[in-house]
């Protein structure tokens, strides 16, 4: 079975915990080498963030679990990269 190497998620989270705490919890997961979280939009009670996790063998269910434990929810799985190496999206004429 091929390993998940990158996931990009659209996440809705409360203000607390902050993005530093969430990123640290995700980075502590086995198989995750790095995490990037970008704030997209902030509301009075919630934040919409883009979460990118990279590694050599990401357990998606554990990523989901950490996000839920932080009181957040995944709106969408926007990108996934699977295999022995990371492949960047190819630019096409439509882009």
N, C-alpha and C. Protein backbone atom coordinates (compact mmCIF):
# COMPACT_ATOMS: atom_id res chain seq x y z
N UNK A 1 0.84 -1.19 0.00
CA UNK A 1 0.00 0.00 0.00
C UNK A 1 0.89 1.25 0.00
N UNK A 2 0.57 2.22 -0.82
CA UNK A 2 1.35 3.46 -0.92
C UNK A 2 1.15 4.33 0.31
N UNK A 3 2.19 5.06 0.66
CA UNK A 3 2.16 5.94 1.83
C UNK A 3 1.65 7.33 1.45
N UNK A 4 0.89 7.93 2.37
CA UNK A 4 0.47 9.32 2.21
C UNK A 4 1.65 10.20 2.58
N UNK A 5 2.02 11.12 1.69
CA UNK A 5 3.17 11.99 1.91
C UNK A 5 2.79 13.44 2.15
N UNK A 6 1.61 13.86 1.67
CA UNK A 6 1.16 15.24 1.90
C UNK A 6 -0.36 15.27 1.91
N UNK A 7 -0.92 16.04 2.85
CA UNK A 7 -2.35 16.34 2.85
C UNK A 7 -2.53 17.83 3.05
N UNK A 8 -3.50 18.39 2.33
CA UNK A 8 -3.86 19.80 2.48
C UNK A 8 -5.33 19.84 2.85
N UNK A 9 -5.62 20.47 3.99
CA UNK A 9 -6.97 20.47 4.54
C UNK A 9 -7.48 21.89 4.75
N UNK A 10 -8.77 22.07 4.53
CA UNK A 10 -9.47 23.30 4.90
C UNK A 10 -10.13 23.01 6.24
N UNK A 11 -9.73 23.74 7.28
CA UNK A 11 -10.16 23.44 8.64
C UNK A 11 -10.81 24.67 9.27
N UNK A 12 -11.91 24.45 9.97
CA UNK A 12 -12.56 25.47 10.77
C UNK A 12 -12.27 25.16 12.23
N UNK A 13 -11.65 26.12 12.94
CA UNK A 13 -11.23 25.86 14.32
C UNK A 13 -11.60 27.02 15.22
N UNK A 14 -11.77 26.75 16.52
CA UNK A 14 -11.96 27.84 17.47
C UNK A 14 -10.64 28.61 17.62
N UNK A 15 -10.71 29.80 18.23
CA UNK A 15 -9.49 30.60 18.42
C UNK A 15 -8.47 29.87 19.30
N UNK A 16 -8.97 29.08 20.21
CA UNK A 16 -8.07 28.33 21.11
C UNK A 16 -8.33 26.85 20.92
N UNK A 17 -7.31 26.03 20.73
CA UNK A 17 -5.89 26.36 20.76
C UNK A 17 -5.48 27.14 19.51
N UNK A 18 -4.41 27.88 19.62
CA UNK A 18 -3.89 28.65 18.51
C UNK A 18 -3.24 27.78 17.45
N UNK A 19 -2.85 28.39 16.36
CA UNK A 19 -2.27 27.61 15.26
C UNK A 19 -0.90 27.04 15.61
N UNK A 20 -0.17 27.68 16.52
CA UNK A 20 1.12 27.12 16.93
C UNK A 20 0.91 25.81 17.66
N UNK A 21 -0.05 25.79 18.59
CA UNK A 21 -0.34 24.56 19.35
C UNK A 21 -0.86 23.46 18.43
N UNK A 22 -1.75 23.79 17.51
CA UNK A 22 -2.28 22.78 16.59
C UNK A 22 -1.18 22.23 15.70
N UNK A 23 -0.34 23.11 15.17
CA UNK A 23 0.76 22.67 14.30
C UNK A 23 1.71 21.75 15.05
N UNK A 24 2.01 22.09 16.31
CA UNK A 24 2.92 21.27 17.12
C UNK A 24 2.33 19.89 17.37
N UNK A 25 1.04 19.82 17.69
CA UNK A 25 0.40 18.52 17.94
C UNK A 25 0.43 17.65 16.67
N UNK A 26 0.16 18.27 15.53
CA UNK A 26 0.19 17.51 14.28
C UNK A 26 1.61 17.06 13.93
N UNK A 27 2.59 17.93 14.15
CA UNK A 27 3.99 17.60 13.84
C UNK A 27 4.52 16.49 14.74
N UNK A 28 3.93 16.32 15.92
CA UNK A 28 4.35 15.27 16.84
C UNK A 28 3.86 13.88 16.42
N UNK A 29 2.96 13.81 15.44
CA UNK A 29 2.46 12.50 14.98
C UNK A 29 3.56 11.74 14.25
N UNK A 30 3.58 10.44 14.45
CA UNK A 30 4.53 9.58 13.76
C UNK A 30 4.28 9.67 12.25
N UNK A 31 5.35 9.79 11.48
CA UNK A 31 5.24 9.83 10.03
C UNK A 31 5.07 11.23 9.46
N UNK A 32 4.87 12.24 10.34
CA UNK A 32 4.72 13.63 9.90
C UNK A 32 6.04 14.34 10.16
N UNK A 33 6.63 14.92 9.10
CA UNK A 33 7.91 15.64 9.23
C UNK A 33 7.74 17.14 9.35
N UNK A 34 6.66 17.66 8.79
CA UNK A 34 6.46 19.09 8.84
C UNK A 34 5.00 19.46 8.69
N UNK A 35 4.65 20.61 9.28
CA UNK A 35 3.27 21.11 9.23
C UNK A 35 3.31 22.60 8.94
N UNK A 36 2.43 23.05 8.06
CA UNK A 36 2.28 24.47 7.77
C UNK A 36 0.80 24.80 7.95
N UNK A 37 0.53 25.85 8.73
CA UNK A 37 -0.85 26.30 8.91
C UNK A 37 -0.91 27.78 8.55
N UNK A 38 -1.83 28.12 7.65
CA UNK A 38 -2.04 29.51 7.24
C UNK A 38 -3.45 29.95 7.63
N UNK A 39 -3.53 31.13 8.22
CA UNK A 39 -4.83 31.70 8.56
C UNK A 39 -5.45 32.27 7.30
N UNK A 40 -6.65 31.82 6.97
CA UNK A 40 -7.35 32.27 5.78
C UNK A 40 -8.35 33.37 6.15
N UNK A 41 -9.12 33.13 7.21
CA UNK A 41 -10.13 34.09 7.61
C UNK A 41 -10.39 33.94 9.11
N UNK A 42 -10.63 35.08 9.77
CA UNK A 42 -10.91 35.07 11.20
C UNK A 42 -12.28 35.70 11.43
N UNK A 43 -13.08 35.02 12.22
CA UNK A 43 -14.40 35.50 12.59
C UNK A 43 -14.37 35.79 14.09
N UNK A 44 -15.50 36.20 14.62
CA UNK A 44 -15.57 36.52 16.05
C UNK A 44 -15.29 35.30 16.93
N UNK A 45 -15.72 34.11 16.49
CA UNK A 45 -15.57 32.91 17.31
C UNK A 45 -14.68 31.84 16.71
N UNK A 46 -14.44 31.88 15.41
CA UNK A 46 -13.70 30.80 14.74
C UNK A 46 -12.68 31.35 13.75
N UNK A 47 -11.79 30.45 13.33
CA UNK A 47 -10.79 30.75 12.31
C UNK A 47 -10.87 29.69 11.23
N UNK A 48 -10.73 30.11 10.00
CA UNK A 48 -10.63 29.19 8.88
C UNK A 48 -9.15 29.12 8.51
N UNK A 49 -8.57 27.92 8.55
CA UNK A 49 -7.15 27.76 8.30
C UNK A 49 -6.90 26.70 7.23
N UNK A 50 -5.77 26.84 6.56
CA UNK A 50 -5.30 25.83 5.59
C UNK A 50 -4.18 25.08 6.28
N UNK A 51 -4.34 23.77 6.42
CA UNK A 51 -3.37 22.91 7.10
C UNK A 51 -2.69 22.01 6.08
N UNK A 52 -1.36 22.09 6.02
CA UNK A 52 -0.58 21.21 5.15
C UNK A 52 0.34 20.37 6.02
N UNK A 53 0.24 19.05 5.88
CA UNK A 53 1.13 18.12 6.59
C UNK A 53 1.94 17.36 5.55
N UNK A 54 3.25 17.24 5.81
CA UNK A 54 4.12 16.45 4.95
C UNK A 54 4.87 15.44 5.79
N UNK A 55 5.15 14.30 5.18
CA UNK A 55 5.90 13.25 5.87
C UNK A 55 6.14 12.08 4.94
N UNK A 56 6.59 10.98 5.53
CA UNK A 56 6.84 9.80 4.70
C UNK A 56 5.75 8.76 4.84
N UNK A 57 4.94 8.87 5.89
CA UNK A 57 3.88 7.91 6.10
C UNK A 57 2.83 8.51 7.03
N UNK A 58 2.01 9.41 6.50
CA UNK A 58 1.02 10.13 7.31
C UNK A 58 -0.19 9.23 7.52
N UNK A 59 -0.61 9.12 8.77
CA UNK A 59 -1.83 8.39 9.11
C UNK A 59 -2.96 9.42 9.13
N UNK A 60 -3.77 9.44 8.08
CA UNK A 60 -4.81 10.46 7.94
C UNK A 60 -5.81 10.41 9.10
N UNK A 61 -6.14 9.23 9.56
CA UNK A 61 -7.10 9.10 10.66
C UNK A 61 -6.56 9.77 11.94
N UNK A 62 -5.26 9.67 12.17
CA UNK A 62 -4.67 10.32 13.35
C UNK A 62 -4.65 11.84 13.19
N UNK A 63 -4.43 12.32 11.98
CA UNK A 63 -4.51 13.76 11.71
C UNK A 63 -5.92 14.25 12.02
N UNK A 64 -6.93 13.52 11.51
CA UNK A 64 -8.33 13.86 11.79
C UNK A 64 -8.60 13.88 13.28
N UNK A 65 -8.09 12.89 14.00
CA UNK A 65 -8.32 12.78 15.43
C UNK A 65 -7.74 13.98 16.18
N UNK A 66 -6.52 14.39 15.87
CA UNK A 66 -5.90 15.54 16.53
C UNK A 66 -6.71 16.80 16.26
N UNK A 67 -7.15 16.98 15.03
CA UNK A 67 -7.93 18.16 14.68
C UNK A 67 -9.24 18.18 15.46
N UNK A 68 -9.92 17.05 15.54
CA UNK A 68 -11.18 16.97 16.30
C UNK A 68 -10.95 17.19 17.78
N UNK A 69 -9.86 16.64 18.34
CA UNK A 69 -9.56 16.83 19.75
C UNK A 69 -9.31 18.30 20.09
N UNK A 70 -8.91 19.08 19.11
CA UNK A 70 -8.68 20.52 19.31
C UNK A 70 -9.97 21.32 19.10
N UNK A 71 -11.09 20.65 18.91
CA UNK A 71 -12.37 21.32 18.74
C UNK A 71 -12.61 21.84 17.34
N UNK A 72 -11.81 21.40 16.38
CA UNK A 72 -11.92 21.87 15.01
C UNK A 72 -12.60 20.83 14.13
N UNK A 73 -12.96 21.24 12.92
CA UNK A 73 -13.56 20.31 11.97
C UNK A 73 -12.95 20.51 10.59
N UNK A 74 -12.83 19.42 9.88
CA UNK A 74 -12.29 19.45 8.52
C UNK A 74 -13.43 19.75 7.56
N UNK A 75 -13.31 20.87 6.83
CA UNK A 75 -14.30 21.20 5.81
C UNK A 75 -14.07 20.40 4.54
N UNK A 76 -12.79 20.26 4.17
CA UNK A 76 -12.50 19.51 2.95
C UNK A 76 -11.05 19.05 2.95
N UNK A 77 -10.83 17.94 2.25
CA UNK A 77 -9.48 17.45 1.95
C UNK A 77 -9.19 17.99 0.56
N UNK A 78 -8.36 19.04 0.47
CA UNK A 78 -8.15 19.76 -0.78
C UNK A 78 -7.07 19.16 -1.67
N UNK A 79 -6.14 18.41 -1.06
CA UNK A 79 -5.07 17.82 -1.86
C UNK A 79 -4.47 16.66 -1.07
N UNK A 80 -4.06 15.63 -1.80
CA UNK A 80 -3.36 14.51 -1.19
C UNK A 80 -2.28 14.05 -2.16
N UNK A 81 -1.10 13.78 -1.62
CA UNK A 81 0.01 13.24 -2.42
C UNK A 81 0.40 11.90 -1.83
N UNK A 82 0.48 10.89 -2.67
CA UNK A 82 0.73 9.52 -2.23
C UNK A 82 1.79 8.90 -3.12
N UNK A 83 2.66 8.09 -2.54
CA UNK A 83 3.66 7.36 -3.31
C UNK A 83 5.03 7.42 -2.67
N UNK A 84 6.03 7.03 -3.43
CA UNK A 84 7.39 6.98 -2.88
C UNK A 84 8.08 8.34 -2.92
N UNK A 85 7.55 9.29 -3.70
CA UNK A 85 8.12 10.64 -3.72
C UNK A 85 6.99 11.64 -3.93
N UNK A 86 7.27 12.91 -3.62
CA UNK A 86 6.29 13.96 -3.81
C UNK A 86 6.31 14.44 -5.25
N UNK A 87 5.15 14.53 -5.84
CA UNK A 87 4.99 15.01 -7.20
C UNK A 87 4.25 16.34 -7.11
N UNK A 88 4.83 17.38 -7.72
CA UNK A 88 4.17 18.68 -7.72
C UNK A 88 3.15 18.71 -8.84
N UNK A 89 2.09 19.45 -8.62
CA UNK A 89 1.02 19.57 -9.60
C UNK A 89 1.56 20.19 -10.88
N UNK A 90 1.22 19.60 -12.00
CA UNK A 90 1.69 20.11 -13.30
C UNK A 90 0.82 21.29 -13.74
N UNK A 91 1.47 22.28 -14.31
CA UNK A 91 0.75 23.42 -14.85
C UNK A 91 0.23 23.05 -16.23
N UNK A 92 -1.04 23.37 -16.48
CA UNK A 92 -1.66 23.07 -17.77
C UNK A 92 -2.09 24.38 -18.43
N UNK A 93 -2.52 24.30 -19.65
CA UNK A 93 -2.96 25.49 -20.38
C UNK A 93 -4.18 26.13 -19.74
N UNK A 94 -4.98 25.35 -19.04
CA UNK A 94 -6.17 25.89 -18.39
C UNK A 94 -5.81 26.77 -17.20
N UNK A 95 -4.59 26.57 -16.65
CA UNK A 95 -4.15 27.36 -15.49
C UNK A 95 -3.76 28.69 -15.97
